[in-house]
Amino acid sequence: MKVAIIPARGGSKRIPNKNIRIFNGNPIIFYSIKAAIDSMCFDRVIVSTDDTKISKIAKSLGAEVPFVRPEEISDDFSGIIPVLKHTIQWLEKEGFKPDYFCCIYATAPFVTAVDIQSIFKQIQINNSDYCIAVSKFTYPIQRALQIKDGMISMLNLDYFNSRSQ
């Protein structure tokens, strides 16, 4: 089983309602859901959220929202790993064991179905455990990644759990 997981917490302090804000005529989460569905790479596209507005919109766009994300992983300090782990454990309790899962952020309007297909093909060709999207940047480098011998790692592990703010 292949699952797309789209984390979309409510309650953003910097940009209220950011996951459902209108961007180019659609709620911004629309683009991630559409790319996941259109890629035809996934058996299920699941949105993990604690917010009823996000849930309603995600369902109307064709995603599943089969649970309400627990409060303990829905605050300003919750990392992505516990959110993904919760979703995978929920699936396993329901009798579904994902062979692959893909995390697509709700605020990634430029991701396309072709991008997802290409990455999935690369994972299979290279027999990789994971793949992440990265981009070049000039500042700040605390959470920078490096590629060494074809593998990616944090430049400075001290910042692994630090927040982007």
N, C-alpha and C. Protein backbone atom coordinates (compact mmCIF):
# COMPACT_ATOMS: atom_id res chain seq x y z
N MET A 1 0.84 -1.18 0.00
CA MET A 1 0.00 0.00 0.00
C MET A 1 0.89 1.24 0.00
N LYS A 2 0.47 2.24 -0.78
CA LYS A 2 1.17 3.51 -0.87
C LYS A 2 0.22 4.62 -0.39
N VAL A 3 0.73 5.43 0.52
CA VAL A 3 -0.12 6.45 1.15
C VAL A 3 0.54 7.82 1.07
N ALA A 4 -0.24 8.82 0.68
CA ALA A 4 0.19 10.21 0.77
C ALA A 4 -0.39 10.76 2.07
N ILE A 5 0.46 11.37 2.87
CA ILE A 5 0.03 11.99 4.13
C ILE A 5 0.26 13.50 3.99
N ILE A 6 -0.81 14.25 4.17
CA ILE A 6 -0.73 15.70 4.08
C ILE A 6 -1.04 16.28 5.46
N PRO A 7 0.00 16.72 6.17
CA PRO A 7 -0.23 17.33 7.49
C PRO A 7 -0.78 18.74 7.32
N ALA A 8 -1.85 19.05 8.04
CA ALA A 8 -2.49 20.36 7.89
C ALA A 8 -3.10 20.79 9.23
N ARG A 9 -2.25 21.21 10.12
CA ARG A 9 -2.71 21.64 11.44
C ARG A 9 -3.44 22.97 11.34
N GLY A 10 -4.44 23.13 12.17
CA GLY A 10 -5.10 24.43 12.29
C GLY A 10 -4.34 25.27 13.32
N GLY A 11 -4.64 26.52 13.41
CA GLY A 11 -4.09 27.34 14.48
C GLY A 11 -2.73 27.96 14.22
N SER A 12 -2.35 28.15 12.98
CA SER A 12 -1.07 28.81 12.70
C SER A 12 -1.08 30.22 13.27
N LYS A 13 0.00 30.58 13.94
CA LYS A 13 0.10 31.92 14.53
C LYS A 13 0.60 32.94 13.50
N ARG A 14 1.55 32.51 12.66
CA ARG A 14 2.13 33.45 11.70
C ARG A 14 1.15 33.82 10.59
N ILE A 15 0.46 32.80 10.05
CA ILE A 15 -0.50 33.03 8.97
C ILE A 15 -1.77 32.27 9.33
N PRO A 16 -2.73 32.93 9.97
CA PRO A 16 -3.97 32.24 10.36
C PRO A 16 -4.64 31.55 9.17
N ASN A 17 -5.10 30.34 9.40
CA ASN A 17 -5.79 29.54 8.38
C ASN A 17 -4.94 29.30 7.13
N LYS A 18 -3.62 29.24 7.29
CA LYS A 18 -2.74 29.16 6.12
C LYS A 18 -3.01 27.96 5.23
N ASN A 19 -3.42 26.84 5.78
CA ASN A 19 -3.62 25.64 4.97
C ASN A 19 -4.85 25.70 4.07
N ILE A 20 -5.76 26.62 4.38
CA ILE A 20 -6.97 26.75 3.56
C ILE A 20 -7.14 28.16 2.99
N ARG A 21 -6.12 28.98 3.14
CA ARG A 21 -6.15 30.31 2.54
C ARG A 21 -6.22 30.19 1.03
N ILE A 22 -6.91 31.11 0.41
CA ILE A 22 -7.05 31.07 -1.04
C ILE A 22 -5.74 31.52 -1.69
N PHE A 23 -5.26 30.68 -2.61
CA PHE A 23 -4.05 30.95 -3.37
C PHE A 23 -4.36 30.65 -4.84
N ASN A 24 -4.31 31.67 -5.66
CA ASN A 24 -4.61 31.53 -7.08
C ASN A 24 -5.98 30.88 -7.31
N GLY A 25 -6.96 31.28 -6.49
CA GLY A 25 -8.33 30.84 -6.69
C GLY A 25 -8.77 29.59 -5.94
N ASN A 26 -7.86 28.94 -5.25
CA ASN A 26 -8.19 27.70 -4.53
C ASN A 26 -7.57 27.72 -3.13
N PRO A 27 -8.16 26.95 -2.20
CA PRO A 27 -7.48 26.80 -0.91
C PRO A 27 -6.09 26.19 -1.17
N ILE A 28 -5.08 26.65 -0.50
CA ILE A 28 -3.72 26.23 -0.81
C ILE A 28 -3.54 24.71 -0.69
N ILE A 29 -4.28 24.07 0.20
CA ILE A 29 -4.19 22.62 0.34
C ILE A 29 -4.68 21.89 -0.92
N PHE A 30 -5.50 22.54 -1.71
CA PHE A 30 -6.01 21.97 -2.96
C PHE A 30 -4.88 21.43 -3.83
N TYR A 31 -3.80 22.19 -3.96
CA TYR A 31 -2.73 21.84 -4.88
C TYR A 31 -2.00 20.57 -4.45
N SER A 32 -1.79 20.40 -3.16
CA SER A 32 -1.14 19.19 -2.66
C SER A 32 -2.04 17.97 -2.84
N ILE A 33 -3.31 18.13 -2.52
CA ILE A 33 -4.26 17.03 -2.67
C ILE A 33 -4.38 16.65 -4.14
N LYS A 34 -4.53 17.64 -5.00
CA LYS A 34 -4.66 17.39 -6.44
C LYS A 34 -3.43 16.68 -6.99
N ALA A 35 -2.25 17.15 -6.62
CA ALA A 35 -1.01 16.52 -7.11
C ALA A 35 -0.94 15.07 -6.66
N ALA A 36 -1.28 14.80 -5.41
CA ALA A 36 -1.24 13.44 -4.89
C ALA A 36 -2.22 12.54 -5.63
N ILE A 37 -3.44 13.01 -5.81
CA ILE A 37 -4.46 12.21 -6.50
C ILE A 37 -4.09 12.02 -7.97
N ASP A 38 -3.74 13.11 -8.64
CA ASP A 38 -3.43 13.05 -10.07
C ASP A 38 -2.18 12.21 -10.38
N SER A 39 -1.28 12.08 -9.43
CA SER A 39 -0.07 11.28 -9.67
C SER A 39 -0.39 9.81 -9.86
N MET A 40 -1.51 9.37 -9.30
CA MET A 40 -1.93 7.97 -9.34
C MET A 40 -0.87 7.04 -8.71
N CYS A 41 -0.07 7.60 -7.81
CA CYS A 41 0.96 6.82 -7.11
C CYS A 41 0.44 6.23 -5.80
N PHE A 42 -0.71 6.69 -5.33
CA PHE A 42 -1.15 6.35 -3.98
C PHE A 42 -2.48 5.62 -3.96
N ASP A 43 -2.56 4.68 -3.03
CA ASP A 43 -3.83 4.00 -2.78
C ASP A 43 -4.75 4.88 -1.93
N ARG A 44 -4.12 5.71 -1.08
CA ARG A 44 -4.89 6.59 -0.20
C ARG A 44 -4.18 7.92 -0.07
N VAL A 45 -4.96 8.99 -0.03
CA VAL A 45 -4.45 10.35 0.23
C VAL A 45 -5.14 10.79 1.51
N ILE A 46 -4.35 10.91 2.59
CA ILE A 46 -4.89 11.20 3.91
C ILE A 46 -4.39 12.55 4.41
N VAL A 47 -5.31 13.37 4.87
CA VAL A 47 -4.97 14.64 5.51
C VAL A 47 -5.04 14.43 7.01
N SER A 48 -3.96 14.76 7.69
CA SER A 48 -3.90 14.69 9.15
C SER A 48 -4.13 16.11 9.68
N THR A 49 -5.26 16.30 10.33
CA THR A 49 -5.59 17.64 10.83
C THR A 49 -6.36 17.56 12.14
N ASP A 50 -6.33 18.66 12.86
CA ASP A 50 -7.08 18.81 14.10
C ASP A 50 -8.20 19.83 13.91
N ASP A 51 -8.39 20.31 12.68
CA ASP A 51 -9.26 21.45 12.40
C ASP A 51 -10.46 21.03 11.54
N THR A 52 -11.66 21.36 11.99
CA THR A 52 -12.87 20.93 11.27
C THR A 52 -13.01 21.62 9.91
N LYS A 53 -12.60 22.88 9.80
CA LYS A 53 -12.68 23.57 8.50
C LYS A 53 -11.75 22.91 7.49
N ILE A 54 -10.52 22.63 7.92
CA ILE A 54 -9.56 21.97 7.03
C ILE A 54 -10.09 20.60 6.64
N SER A 55 -10.64 19.87 7.60
CA SER A 55 -11.18 18.54 7.34
C SER A 55 -12.27 18.59 6.27
N LYS A 56 -13.19 19.50 6.42
CA LYS A 56 -14.31 19.62 5.48
C LYS A 56 -13.80 19.95 4.07
N ILE A 57 -12.89 20.88 3.97
CA ILE A 57 -12.35 21.26 2.66
C ILE A 57 -11.56 20.11 2.05
N ALA A 58 -10.72 19.46 2.84
CA ALA A 58 -9.92 18.34 2.34
C ALA A 58 -10.81 17.23 1.79
N LYS A 59 -11.87 16.89 2.52
CA LYS A 59 -12.81 15.86 2.06
C LYS A 59 -13.48 16.28 0.76
N SER A 60 -13.85 17.54 0.66
CA SER A 60 -14.53 18.02 -0.56
C SER A 60 -13.59 17.97 -1.77
N LEU A 61 -12.29 17.97 -1.52
CA LEU A 61 -11.30 17.92 -2.59
C LEU A 61 -10.87 16.50 -2.94
N GLY A 62 -11.42 15.52 -2.23
CA GLY A 62 -11.14 14.12 -2.57
C GLY A 62 -10.19 13.40 -1.65
N ALA A 63 -9.69 14.07 -0.63
CA ALA A 63 -8.79 13.42 0.33
C ALA A 63 -9.60 12.75 1.43
N GLU A 64 -8.98 11.82 2.10
CA GLU A 64 -9.58 11.20 3.28
C GLU A 64 -9.13 11.96 4.53
N VAL A 65 -10.02 12.09 5.48
CA VAL A 65 -9.68 12.62 6.80
C VAL A 65 -10.33 11.65 7.78
N PRO A 66 -9.69 10.50 8.00
CA PRO A 66 -10.34 9.42 8.76
C PRO A 66 -10.25 9.55 10.27
N PHE A 67 -9.53 10.56 10.76
CA PHE A 67 -9.38 10.75 12.20
C PHE A 67 -9.11 12.22 12.47
N VAL A 68 -9.27 12.60 13.73
CA VAL A 68 -8.90 13.94 14.18
C VAL A 68 -7.53 13.81 14.84
N ARG A 69 -6.59 14.62 14.39
CA ARG A 69 -5.24 14.54 14.96
C ARG A 69 -5.30 14.89 16.44
N PRO A 70 -4.66 14.08 17.30
CA PRO A 70 -4.68 14.34 18.75
C PRO A 70 -4.02 15.67 19.13
N GLU A 71 -4.53 16.27 20.21
CA GLU A 71 -4.00 17.55 20.69
C GLU A 71 -2.51 17.52 20.96
N GLU A 72 -2.01 16.41 21.50
CA GLU A 72 -0.60 16.35 21.89
C GLU A 72 0.36 16.44 20.70
N ILE A 73 -0.13 16.29 19.48
CA ILE A 73 0.72 16.47 18.30
C ILE A 73 0.13 17.53 17.37
N SER A 74 -0.58 18.48 17.97
CA SER A 74 -1.22 19.54 17.19
C SER A 74 -0.89 20.94 17.69
N ASP A 75 0.15 21.06 18.48
CA ASP A 75 0.47 22.40 18.98
C ASP A 75 1.61 23.02 18.17
N ASP A 76 2.00 24.23 18.56
CA ASP A 76 3.04 24.97 17.84
C ASP A 76 4.40 24.29 17.85
N PHE A 77 4.60 23.36 18.75
CA PHE A 77 5.91 22.74 18.90
C PHE A 77 5.96 21.31 18.41
N SER A 78 4.87 20.83 17.84
CA SER A 78 4.83 19.45 17.35
C SER A 78 5.63 19.34 16.06
N GLY A 79 6.47 18.32 16.00
CA GLY A 79 7.26 18.06 14.80
C GLY A 79 6.50 17.18 13.83
N ILE A 80 7.05 17.06 12.64
CA ILE A 80 6.40 16.27 11.60
C ILE A 80 6.51 14.77 11.85
N ILE A 81 7.58 14.31 12.46
CA ILE A 81 7.77 12.87 12.67
C ILE A 81 6.65 12.26 13.52
N PRO A 82 6.28 12.86 14.66
CA PRO A 82 5.17 12.29 15.42
C PRO A 82 3.84 12.29 14.65
N VAL A 83 3.64 13.28 13.80
CA VAL A 83 2.41 13.35 13.00
C VAL A 83 2.37 12.20 11.99
N LEU A 84 3.48 11.98 11.31
CA LEU A 84 3.55 10.88 10.34
C LEU A 84 3.42 9.53 11.05
N LYS A 85 4.12 9.41 12.16
CA LYS A 85 4.06 8.16 12.94
C LYS A 85 2.63 7.87 13.39
N HIS A 86 1.92 8.89 13.85
CA HIS A 86 0.53 8.71 14.28
C HIS A 86 -0.32 8.19 13.13
N THR A 87 -0.17 8.78 11.95
CA THR A 87 -0.97 8.37 10.80
C THR A 87 -0.66 6.92 10.42
N ILE A 88 0.60 6.56 10.39
CA ILE A 88 0.99 5.20 10.02
C ILE A 88 0.48 4.20 11.06
N GLN A 89 0.60 4.55 12.33
CA GLN A 89 0.09 3.65 13.38
C GLN A 89 -1.43 3.52 13.30
N TRP A 90 -2.12 4.60 12.97
CA TRP A 90 -3.57 4.54 12.80
C TRP A 90 -3.91 3.58 11.66
N LEU A 91 -3.20 3.71 10.54
CA LEU A 91 -3.44 2.82 9.40
C LEU A 91 -3.22 1.36 9.78
N GLU A 92 -2.13 1.10 10.50
CA GLU A 92 -1.82 -0.27 10.90
C GLU A 92 -2.89 -0.85 11.83
N LYS A 93 -3.42 -0.02 12.73
CA LYS A 93 -4.50 -0.48 13.61
C LYS A 93 -5.76 -0.81 12.80
N GLU A 94 -5.93 -0.14 11.68
CA GLU A 94 -7.08 -0.38 10.81
C GLU A 94 -6.82 -1.55 9.84
N GLY A 95 -5.63 -2.15 9.93
CA GLY A 95 -5.32 -3.31 9.08
C GLY A 95 -4.60 -2.99 7.78
N PHE A 96 -4.08 -1.77 7.64
CA PHE A 96 -3.36 -1.37 6.43
C PHE A 96 -1.90 -1.13 6.76
N LYS A 97 -1.01 -1.81 6.07
CA LYS A 97 0.43 -1.62 6.30
C LYS A 97 1.02 -0.92 5.09
N PRO A 98 1.39 0.35 5.23
CA PRO A 98 1.98 1.06 4.10
C PRO A 98 3.36 0.51 3.73
N ASP A 99 3.55 0.25 2.44
CA ASP A 99 4.87 -0.10 1.93
C ASP A 99 5.67 1.18 1.68
N TYR A 100 4.95 2.20 1.25
CA TYR A 100 5.54 3.51 1.00
C TYR A 100 4.60 4.56 1.56
N PHE A 101 5.17 5.65 2.06
CA PHE A 101 4.35 6.81 2.38
C PHE A 101 5.10 8.05 1.94
N CYS A 102 4.33 9.05 1.63
CA CYS A 102 4.88 10.30 1.13
C CYS A 102 4.25 11.43 1.92
N CYS A 103 5.06 12.29 2.47
CA CYS A 103 4.58 13.48 3.17
C CYS A 103 4.60 14.65 2.19
N ILE A 104 3.44 15.21 1.97
CA ILE A 104 3.32 16.38 1.09
C ILE A 104 2.73 17.50 1.94
N TYR A 105 3.46 18.57 2.09
CA TYR A 105 2.97 19.66 2.92
C TYR A 105 1.77 20.34 2.27
N ALA A 106 0.83 20.75 3.10
CA ALA A 106 -0.39 21.41 2.62
C ALA A 106 -0.07 22.73 1.95
N THR A 107 1.04 23.32 2.30
CA THR A 107 1.43 24.63 1.76
C THR A 107 2.52 24.47 0.70
N ALA A 108 2.35 23.48 -0.18
CA ALA A 108 3.30 23.25 -1.28
C ALA A 108 2.54 23.34 -2.61
N PRO A 109 2.10 24.54 -2.98
CA PRO A 109 1.24 24.66 -4.17
C PRO A 109 1.94 24.38 -5.49
N PHE A 110 3.25 24.29 -5.50
CA PHE A 110 3.95 24.09 -6.76
C PHE A 110 4.37 22.64 -7.00
N VAL A 111 4.05 21.75 -6.07
CA VAL A 111 4.32 20.33 -6.29
C VAL A 111 3.32 19.83 -7.34
N THR A 112 3.81 18.98 -8.23
CA THR A 112 2.94 18.48 -9.29
C THR A 112 2.88 16.95 -9.26
N ALA A 113 1.89 16.42 -9.96
CA ALA A 113 1.77 14.97 -10.09
C ALA A 113 3.02 14.40 -10.76
N VAL A 114 3.55 15.10 -11.73
CA VAL A 114 4.76 14.64 -12.43
C VAL A 114 5.95 14.60 -11.47
N ASP A 115 6.06 15.60 -10.58
CA ASP A 115 7.13 15.59 -9.57
C ASP A 115 7.03 14.33 -8.72
N ILE A 116 5.83 14.03 -8.26
CA ILE A 116 5.62 12.88 -7.39
C ILE A 116 5.94 11.58 -8.13
N GLN A 117 5.48 11.47 -9.36
CA GLN A 117 5.77 10.27 -10.16
C GLN A 117 7.27 10.09 -10.36
N SER A 118 7.95 11.18 -10.64
CA SER A 118 9.40 11.14 -10.86
C SER A 118 10.15 10.69 -9.61
N ILE A 119 9.77 11.25 -8.48
CA ILE A 119 10.41 10.89 -7.21
C ILE A 119 10.15 9.43 -6.87
N PHE A 120 8.90 9.00 -7.04
CA PHE A 120 8.58 7.62 -6.73
C PHE A 120 9.39 6.66 -7.60
N LYS A 121 9.55 7.02 -8.87
CA LYS A 121 10.36 6.20 -9.78
C LYS A 121 11.82 6.14 -9.30
N GLN A 122 12.35 7.28 -8.85
CA GLN A 122 13.73 7.33 -8.35
C GLN A 122 13.92 6.47 -7.10
N ILE A 123 12.94 6.50 -6.21
CA ILE A 123 13.01 5.68 -5.00
C ILE A 123 13.09 4.21 -5.38
N GLN A 124 12.28 3.80 -6.35
CA GLN A 124 12.28 2.40 -6.77
C GLN A 124 13.58 2.03 -7.50
N ILE A 125 14.03 2.88 -8.40
CA ILE A 125 15.26 2.61 -9.16
C ILE A 125 16.46 2.48 -8.23
N ASN A 126 16.55 3.41 -7.28
CA ASN A 126 17.72 3.45 -6.38
C ASN A 126 17.54 2.60 -5.13
N ASN A 127 16.36 1.99 -5.00
CA ASN A 127 16.06 1.20 -3.80
C ASN A 127 16.33 2.03 -2.53
N SER A 128 15.88 3.29 -2.56
CA SER A 128 16.11 4.23 -1.46
C SER A 128 15.09 4.03 -0.35
N ASP A 129 15.49 4.39 0.84
CA ASP A 129 14.57 4.36 1.98
C ASP A 129 13.66 5.58 1.99
N TYR A 130 14.17 6.70 1.50
CA TYR A 130 13.39 7.93 1.50
C TYR A 130 13.95 8.91 0.50
N CYS A 131 13.17 9.94 0.25
CA CYS A 131 13.57 11.01 -0.64
C CYS A 131 12.94 12.28 -0.10
N ILE A 132 13.66 13.38 -0.11
CA ILE A 132 13.09 14.66 0.33
C ILE A 132 13.42 15.74 -0.69
N ALA A 133 12.56 16.73 -0.75
CA ALA A 133 12.79 17.87 -1.64
C ALA A 133 13.65 18.89 -0.91
N VAL A 134 14.61 19.43 -1.61
CA VAL A 134 15.48 20.47 -1.05
C VAL A 134 15.67 21.55 -2.10
N SER A 135 16.13 22.71 -1.65
CA SER A 135 16.44 23.79 -2.57
C SER A 135 17.67 24.52 -2.06
N LYS A 136 18.32 25.23 -2.97
CA LYS A 136 19.48 26.02 -2.58
C LYS A 136 19.01 27.26 -1.84
N PHE A 137 19.82 27.71 -0.89
CA PHE A 137 19.48 28.94 -0.18
C PHE A 137 20.77 29.59 0.29
N THR A 138 20.67 30.86 0.60
CA THR A 138 21.87 31.60 1.01
C THR A 138 21.93 31.86 2.50
N TYR A 139 20.83 31.66 3.21
CA TYR A 139 20.81 31.94 4.64
C TYR A 139 19.66 31.22 5.28
N PRO A 140 19.47 31.15 6.55
CA PRO A 140 20.53 30.78 7.47
C PRO A 140 20.82 29.29 7.28
N ILE A 141 21.99 28.87 7.61
CA ILE A 141 22.38 27.50 7.28
C ILE A 141 22.23 26.52 8.44
N GLN A 142 21.63 26.92 9.55
CA GLN A 142 21.53 26.03 10.71
C GLN A 142 20.84 24.71 10.39
N ARG A 143 19.86 24.72 9.51
CA ARG A 143 19.14 23.48 9.17
C ARG A 143 19.51 22.98 7.78
N ALA A 144 20.68 23.35 7.31
CA ALA A 144 21.13 22.95 5.97
C ALA A 144 21.39 21.45 5.89
N LEU A 145 21.26 20.94 4.68
CA LEU A 145 21.54 19.54 4.39
C LEU A 145 22.77 19.47 3.51
N GLN A 146 23.45 18.35 3.56
CA GLN A 146 24.59 18.15 2.69
C GLN A 146 24.46 16.80 1.98
N ILE A 147 25.04 16.72 0.81
CA ILE A 147 25.06 15.46 0.07
C ILE A 147 26.50 14.98 0.05
N LYS A 148 26.70 13.77 0.55
CA LYS A 148 28.03 13.18 0.59
C LYS A 148 27.89 11.72 0.15
N ASP A 149 28.64 11.34 -0.87
CA ASP A 149 28.60 9.99 -1.41
C ASP A 149 27.18 9.58 -1.79
N GLY A 150 26.42 10.54 -2.34
CA GLY A 150 25.07 10.26 -2.79
C GLY A 150 24.02 10.18 -1.70
N MET A 151 24.41 10.43 -0.46
CA MET A 151 23.47 10.36 0.66
C MET A 151 23.30 11.76 1.25
N ILE A 152 22.14 12.01 1.82
CA ILE A 152 21.84 13.31 2.39
C ILE A 152 21.86 13.23 3.91
N SER A 153 22.37 14.27 4.53
CA SER A 153 22.39 14.32 5.99
C SER A 153 22.38 15.79 6.43
N MET A 154 22.08 15.99 7.71
CA MET A 154 22.10 17.34 8.26
C MET A 154 23.54 17.82 8.35
N LEU A 155 23.75 19.08 8.00
CA LEU A 155 25.07 19.68 8.14
C LEU A 155 25.42 19.82 9.62
N ASN A 156 24.41 20.15 10.43
CA ASN A 156 24.63 20.32 11.86
C ASN A 156 23.47 19.67 12.61
N LEU A 157 23.69 18.48 13.14
CA LEU A 157 22.64 17.72 13.83
C LEU A 157 22.07 18.43 15.06
N ASP A 158 22.79 19.40 15.61
CA ASP A 158 22.30 20.14 16.77
C ASP A 158 20.98 20.85 16.47
N TYR A 159 20.70 21.10 15.20
CA TYR A 159 19.50 21.84 14.81
C TYR A 159 18.41 20.94 14.24
N PHE A 160 18.56 19.63 14.36
CA PHE A 160 17.58 18.69 13.80
C PHE A 160 16.17 18.96 14.31
N ASN A 161 16.00 19.20 15.59
CA ASN A 161 14.67 19.42 16.18
C ASN A 161 14.29 20.88 16.33
N SER A 162 15.08 21.79 15.79
CA SER A 162 14.74 23.21 15.92
C SER A 162 13.60 23.58 14.96
N ARG A 163 12.86 24.60 15.33
CA ARG A 163 11.72 25.04 14.53
C ARG A 163 12.17 26.05 13.48
N SER A 164 11.41 26.16 12.40
CA SER A 164 11.77 27.06 11.32
C SER A 164 11.66 28.53 11.71
N GLN A 165 10.86 28.84 12.73
CA GLN A 165 10.70 30.23 13.12
C GLN A 165 11.99 30.77 13.69
